[in-house]
C-alpha atoms as a PDB file:
ATOM      1  CA  MET A   1       5.518  30.505  12.203  1.00  0.00           C
ATOM      2  CA  ASP A   2       2.518  31.059  14.419  1.00  0.00           C
ATOM      3  CA  LYS A   3       3.301  29.992  18.019  1.00  0.00           C
ATOM      4  CA  SER A   4       0.139  27.873  18.244  1.00  0.00           C
ATOM      5  CA  VAL A   5       1.098  25.919  15.098  1.00  0.00           C
ATOM      6  CA  GLY A   6       4.563  25.320  16.521  1.00  0.00           C
ATOM      7  CA  LEU A   7       3.086  24.178  19.828  1.00  0.00           C
ATOM      8  CA  ILE A   8       0.727  21.775  18.075  1.00  0.00           C
ATOM      9  CA  ALA A   9       3.615  20.369  16.033  1.00  0.00           C
ATOM     10  CA  LEU A  10       5.706  19.928  19.170  1.00  0.00           C
ATOM     11  CA  MET A  11       2.854  18.186  21.008  1.00  0.00           C
ATOM     12  CA  ALA A  12       2.251  15.870  18.044  1.00  0.00           C
ATOM     13  CA  ALA A  13       5.950  14.989  17.905  1.00  0.00           C
ATOM     14  CA  LEU A  14       6.080  14.245  21.626  1.00  0.00           C
ATOM     15  CA  LEU A  15       2.766  12.428  21.994  1.00  0.00           C
ATOM     16  CA  GLY A  16       2.682  10.652  18.631  1.00  0.00           C
ATOM     17  CA  PRO A  17       4.957   7.758  19.638  1.00  0.00           C
ATOM     18  CA  THR A  18       2.937   7.168  22.799  1.00  0.00           C
ATOM     19  CA  LEU A  19      -0.345   6.507  20.981  1.00  0.00           C
ATOM     20  CA  PRO A  20      -1.349   2.849  20.877  1.00  0.00           C
ATOM     21  CA  LEU A  21      -0.749   1.232  17.512  1.00  0.00           C
ATOM     22  CA  THR A  22      -4.301  -0.090  17.617  1.00  0.00           C
ATOM     23  CA  LEU A  23      -5.497   3.415  16.788  1.00  0.00           C
ATOM     24  CA  LEU A  24      -3.741   3.086  13.434  1.00  0.00           C
ATOM     25  CA  ALA A  25      -4.830  -0.497  12.719  1.00  0.00           C
ATOM     26  CA  GLN A  26      -7.868  -1.551  10.746  1.00  0.00           C
ATOM     27  CA  SER A  27     -10.891  -2.816  12.626  1.00  0.00           C
ATOM     28  CA  THR A  28     -12.592  -6.119  11.911  1.00  0.00           C
ATOM     29  CA  GLU A  29     -15.438  -4.181  10.299  1.00  0.00           C
ATOM     30  CA  ASP A  30     -12.969  -2.347   8.041  1.00  0.00           C
ATOM     31  CA  LEU A  31     -11.593  -5.672   6.856  1.00  0.00           C
ATOM     32  CA  LYS A  32     -15.048  -7.209   6.368  1.00  0.00           C
ATOM     33  CA  ASN A  33     -16.149  -4.225   4.274  1.00  0.00           C
ATOM     34  CA  ASP A  34     -12.921  -3.883   2.295  1.00  0.00           C
ATOM     35  CA  ALA A  35     -14.644  -4.706  -1.018  1.00  0.00           C
ATOM     36  CA  ALA A  36     -17.022  -1.768  -0.513  1.00  0.00           C
ATOM     37  CA  THR A  37     -14.185   0.738  -0.109  1.00  0.00           C
ATOM     38  CA  THR A  38     -12.128   0.571  -3.299  1.00  0.00           C
ATOM     39  CA  SER A  39     -10.238   3.749  -2.422  1.00  0.00           C
ATOM     40  CA  ASP A  40      -8.202   1.840   0.167  1.00  0.00           C
ATOM     41  CA  VAL A  41      -7.393  -1.820  -0.398  1.00  0.00           C
ATOM     42  CA  LEU A  42      -6.625  -3.333   2.986  1.00  0.00           C
ATOM     43  CA  THR A  43      -6.224  -7.001   2.053  1.00  0.00           C
ATOM     44  CA  TYR A  44      -5.193  -8.992  -0.983  1.00  0.00           C
ATOM     45  CA  GLY A  45      -8.415  -9.870  -2.763  1.00  0.00           C
ATOM     46  CA  MET A  46     -10.241  -6.820  -1.398  1.00  0.00           C
ATOM     47  CA  GLY A  47     -11.588  -8.457   1.756  1.00  0.00           C
ATOM     48  CA  TYR A  48     -12.097 -11.865   3.248  1.00  0.00           C
ATOM     49  CA  SER A  49     -14.035 -13.053   0.182  1.00  0.00           C
ATOM     50  CA  GLN A  50     -10.762 -12.927  -1.822  1.00  0.00           C
ATOM     51  CA  GLN A  51     -12.514 -11.655  -4.927  1.00  0.00           C
ATOM     52  CA  ARG A  52     -10.521 -10.686  -8.008  1.00  0.00           C
ATOM     53  CA  TYR A  53     -13.138  -8.400  -9.568  1.00  0.00           C
ATOM     54  CA  SER A  54     -12.631  -4.658  -9.347  1.00  0.00           C
ATOM     55  CA  PRO A  55     -15.308  -2.092 -10.169  1.00  0.00           C
ATOM     56  CA  LEU A  56     -12.609   0.405 -11.141  1.00  0.00           C
ATOM     57  CA  THR A  57     -12.848   1.614 -14.733  1.00  0.00           C
ATOM     58  CA  GLN A  58      -9.498   3.296 -15.500  1.00  0.00           C
ATOM     59  CA  ILE A  59      -8.161   0.123 -17.106  1.00  0.00           C
ATOM     60  CA  ASN A  60     -10.382  -1.240 -19.849  1.00  0.00           C
ATOM     61  CA  ARG A  61     -10.066  -2.861 -23.290  1.00  0.00           C
ATOM     62  CA  GLN A  62      -8.953   0.404 -24.865  1.00  0.00           C
ATOM     63  CA  THR A  63      -6.413   1.459 -22.215  1.00  0.00           C
ATOM     64  CA  VAL A  64      -4.860  -1.910 -21.309  1.00  0.00           C
ATOM     65  CA  LYS A  65      -2.471  -1.767 -24.296  1.00  0.00           C
ATOM     66  CA  ARG A  66      -0.819   1.349 -22.793  1.00  0.00           C
ATOM     67  CA  LEU A  67       0.191  -0.426 -19.573  1.00  0.00           C
ATOM     68  CA  VAL A  68       3.916  -0.827 -18.966  1.00  0.00           C
ATOM     69  CA  PRO A  69       5.772  -2.296 -15.978  1.00  0.00           C
ATOM     70  CA  ALA A  70       6.527   0.274 -13.286  1.00  0.00           C
ATOM     71  CA  TRP A  71       9.260  -1.891 -11.707  1.00  0.00           C
ATOM     72  CA  SER A  72      10.519  -5.454 -11.582  1.00  0.00           C
ATOM     73  CA  TYR A  73      12.764  -7.554  -9.388  1.00  0.00           C
ATOM     74  CA  SER A  74      14.504 -10.773 -10.306  1.00  0.00           C
ATOM     75  CA  MET A  75      15.297 -13.298  -7.620  1.00  0.00           C
ATOM     76  CA  ALA A  76      17.663 -15.014 -10.077  1.00  0.00           C
ATOM     77  CA  ASP A  77      19.999 -11.999  -9.923  1.00  0.00           C
ATOM     78  CA  ASN A  78      20.499 -12.657  -6.221  1.00  0.00           C
ATOM     79  CA  CYS A  79      20.894 -16.436  -6.299  1.00  0.00           C
ATOM     80  CA  CYS A  80      23.136 -18.098  -3.757  1.00  0.00           C
ATOM     81  CA  GLY A  81      25.046 -14.941  -2.864  1.00  0.00           C
ATOM     82  CA  ARG A  82      27.038 -15.073  -6.092  1.00  0.00           C
ATOM     83  CA  PRO A  83      27.439 -11.942  -8.182  1.00  0.00           C
ATOM     84  CA  LYS A  84      25.551 -11.790 -11.452  1.00  0.00           C
ATOM     85  CA  ILE A  85      27.777 -12.541 -14.428  1.00  0.00           C
ATOM     86  CA  ASP A  86      27.098 -10.601 -17.601  1.00  0.00           C
ATOM     87  CA  HIS A  87      27.643 -12.871 -20.609  1.00  0.00           C
ATOM     88  CA  SER A  88      27.185 -10.173 -23.244  1.00  0.00           C
END
């Protein structure tokens, strides 16, 4: 590895934790303009207006039938600390 790349990696590892977290946070302007930047959704509802419309076009009337759940979680499986009983 090039010594300068190693030095940069070392400096990033040492100085990274000392950076203020505000450098990583979104600004008020970012949040106000969230609806205009669909590549990064910062708030539920795409901004303070809480809109539910999306200009994205990958899901439409022809493609919606191909959607399948990616994951699910059931709170009922974890009720009251009791183990789930399989009645099959």
